[in-house]
Amino acid sequence: MRPLQISADTAQKLAKSLNMPLEQIMHMPQHILLAKLAEMQKKEEDK
């Protein structure tokens, strides 16, 4: 599986907001990352 096609800055922001290591973010399948982002957004809206 090839790494996600996102910038290093974006990957760092995602790693910080999802509390995950940067390497795990870069090698995560895109559909799982999108699901995590949707979950994170839903939590933000609930606050």
N, C-alpha and C. Protein backbone atom coordinates (compact mmCIF):
# COMPACT_ATOMS: atom_id res chain seq x y z
N MET A 1 0.86 -1.18 0.00
CA MET A 1 0.00 0.00 0.00
C MET A 1 0.90 1.24 0.00
N ARG A 2 0.59 2.18 -0.86
CA ARG A 2 1.42 3.37 -0.91
C ARG A 2 0.91 4.42 0.08
N PRO A 3 1.79 5.29 0.53
CA PRO A 3 1.38 6.33 1.50
C PRO A 3 0.33 7.26 0.91
N LEU A 4 -0.42 7.90 1.79
CA LEU A 4 -1.43 8.86 1.35
C LEU A 4 -0.76 10.03 0.63
N GLN A 5 -1.46 10.60 -0.29
CA GLN A 5 -0.94 11.74 -1.05
C GLN A 5 -1.38 13.04 -0.38
N ILE A 6 -0.83 13.29 0.81
CA ILE A 6 -1.12 14.52 1.55
C ILE A 6 0.20 15.17 1.92
N SER A 7 0.15 16.46 2.18
CA SER A 7 1.38 17.16 2.53
C SER A 7 1.83 16.79 3.93
N ALA A 8 3.09 17.01 4.21
CA ALA A 8 3.65 16.70 5.53
C ALA A 8 2.96 17.53 6.61
N ASP A 9 2.66 18.79 6.29
CA ASP A 9 1.98 19.67 7.25
C ASP A 9 0.59 19.14 7.59
N THR A 10 -0.14 18.71 6.58
CA THR A 10 -1.46 18.14 6.80
C THR A 10 -1.37 16.87 7.63
N ALA A 11 -0.41 16.03 7.32
CA ALA A 11 -0.23 14.78 8.07
C ALA A 11 0.07 15.06 9.54
N GLN A 12 0.88 16.07 9.81
CA GLN A 12 1.21 16.43 11.19
C GLN A 12 -0.03 16.92 11.93
N LYS A 13 -0.84 17.74 11.28
CA LYS A 13 -2.07 18.23 11.90
C LYS A 13 -3.04 17.08 12.19
N LEU A 14 -3.16 16.15 11.25
CA LEU A 14 -4.03 15.00 11.45
C LEU A 14 -3.54 14.13 12.60
N ALA A 15 -2.24 13.90 12.65
CA ALA A 15 -1.67 13.08 13.72
C ALA A 15 -1.95 13.70 15.08
N LYS A 16 -1.81 15.01 15.15
CA LYS A 16 -2.05 15.70 16.43
C LYS A 16 -3.53 15.64 16.81
N SER A 17 -4.41 15.91 15.85
CA SER A 17 -5.84 15.95 16.17
C SER A 17 -6.42 14.56 16.43
N LEU A 18 -5.86 13.51 15.81
CA LEU A 18 -6.36 12.15 16.01
C LEU A 18 -5.59 11.40 17.09
N ASN A 19 -4.57 12.04 17.68
CA ASN A 19 -3.72 11.40 18.69
C ASN A 19 -3.15 10.08 18.18
N MET A 20 -2.55 10.13 17.00
CA MET A 20 -1.96 8.94 16.40
C MET A 20 -0.56 9.28 15.92
N PRO A 21 0.32 8.28 15.87
CA PRO A 21 1.67 8.54 15.34
C PRO A 21 1.61 8.94 13.86
N LEU A 22 2.52 9.79 13.46
CA LEU A 22 2.57 10.29 12.08
C LEU A 22 2.69 9.14 11.08
N GLU A 23 3.51 8.13 11.38
CA GLU A 23 3.70 7.00 10.48
C GLU A 23 2.40 6.25 10.26
N GLN A 24 1.61 6.14 11.31
CA GLN A 24 0.34 5.42 11.20
C GLN A 24 -0.63 6.19 10.32
N ILE A 25 -0.62 7.51 10.43
CA ILE A 25 -1.47 8.35 9.58
C ILE A 25 -1.10 8.18 8.11
N MET A 26 0.19 8.22 7.82
CA MET A 26 0.65 8.15 6.43
C MET A 26 0.36 6.80 5.77
N HIS A 27 0.30 5.73 6.55
CA HIS A 27 0.10 4.41 5.97
C HIS A 27 -1.30 3.86 6.20
N MET A 28 -2.19 4.71 6.67
CA MET A 28 -3.57 4.30 6.90
C MET A 28 -4.32 4.31 5.57
N PRO A 29 -5.16 3.30 5.32
CA PRO A 29 -5.97 3.32 4.10
C PRO A 29 -6.86 4.57 4.08
N GLN A 30 -7.05 5.12 2.91
CA GLN A 30 -7.77 6.38 2.78
C GLN A 30 -9.19 6.29 3.31
N HIS A 31 -9.90 5.19 3.09
CA HIS A 31 -11.29 5.10 3.55
C HIS A 31 -11.37 5.09 5.07
N ILE A 32 -10.37 4.52 5.75
CA ILE A 32 -10.36 4.52 7.22
C ILE A 32 -10.07 5.93 7.73
N LEU A 33 -9.14 6.62 7.09
CA LEU A 33 -8.82 7.99 7.49
C LEU A 33 -10.05 8.89 7.33
N LEU A 34 -10.77 8.73 6.25
CA LEU A 34 -11.97 9.54 6.03
C LEU A 34 -13.03 9.25 7.08
N ALA A 35 -13.15 7.99 7.47
CA ALA A 35 -14.10 7.62 8.52
C ALA A 35 -13.70 8.25 9.85
N LYS A 36 -12.41 8.25 10.17
CA LYS A 36 -11.94 8.86 11.42
C LYS A 36 -12.16 10.37 11.41
N LEU A 37 -11.95 10.99 10.26
CA LEU A 37 -12.17 12.43 10.16
C LEU A 37 -13.65 12.76 10.34
N ALA A 38 -14.53 11.95 9.77
CA ALA A 38 -15.97 12.16 9.93
C ALA A 38 -16.37 12.00 11.39
N GLU A 39 -15.80 11.00 12.05
CA GLU A 39 -16.08 10.76 13.46
C GLU A 39 -15.61 11.94 14.31
N MET A 40 -14.43 12.46 13.99
CA MET A 40 -13.88 13.60 14.71
C MET A 40 -14.76 14.84 14.51
N GLN A 41 -15.24 15.04 13.29
CA GLN A 41 -16.08 16.19 12.99
C GLN A 41 -17.41 16.09 13.74
N LYS A 42 -17.95 14.89 13.83
CA LYS A 42 -19.20 14.70 14.54
C LYS A 42 -19.05 15.03 16.02
N LYS A 43 -17.92 14.64 16.61
CA LYS A 43 -17.65 14.96 18.02
C LYS A 43 -17.55 16.48 18.21
N GLU A 44 -16.95 17.16 17.26
CA GLU A 44 -16.83 18.63 17.34
C GLU A 44 -18.21 19.27 17.29
N GLU A 45 -19.08 18.76 16.43
CA GLU A 45 -20.43 19.33 16.30
C GLU A 45 -21.27 19.08 17.53
N ASP A 46 -21.03 17.97 18.22
CA ASP A 46 -21.81 17.64 19.40
C ASP A 46 -21.46 18.53 20.61
N LYS A 47 -20.30 19.14 20.57
CA LYS A 47 -19.87 19.97 21.71
C LYS A 47 -20.64 21.25 21.80
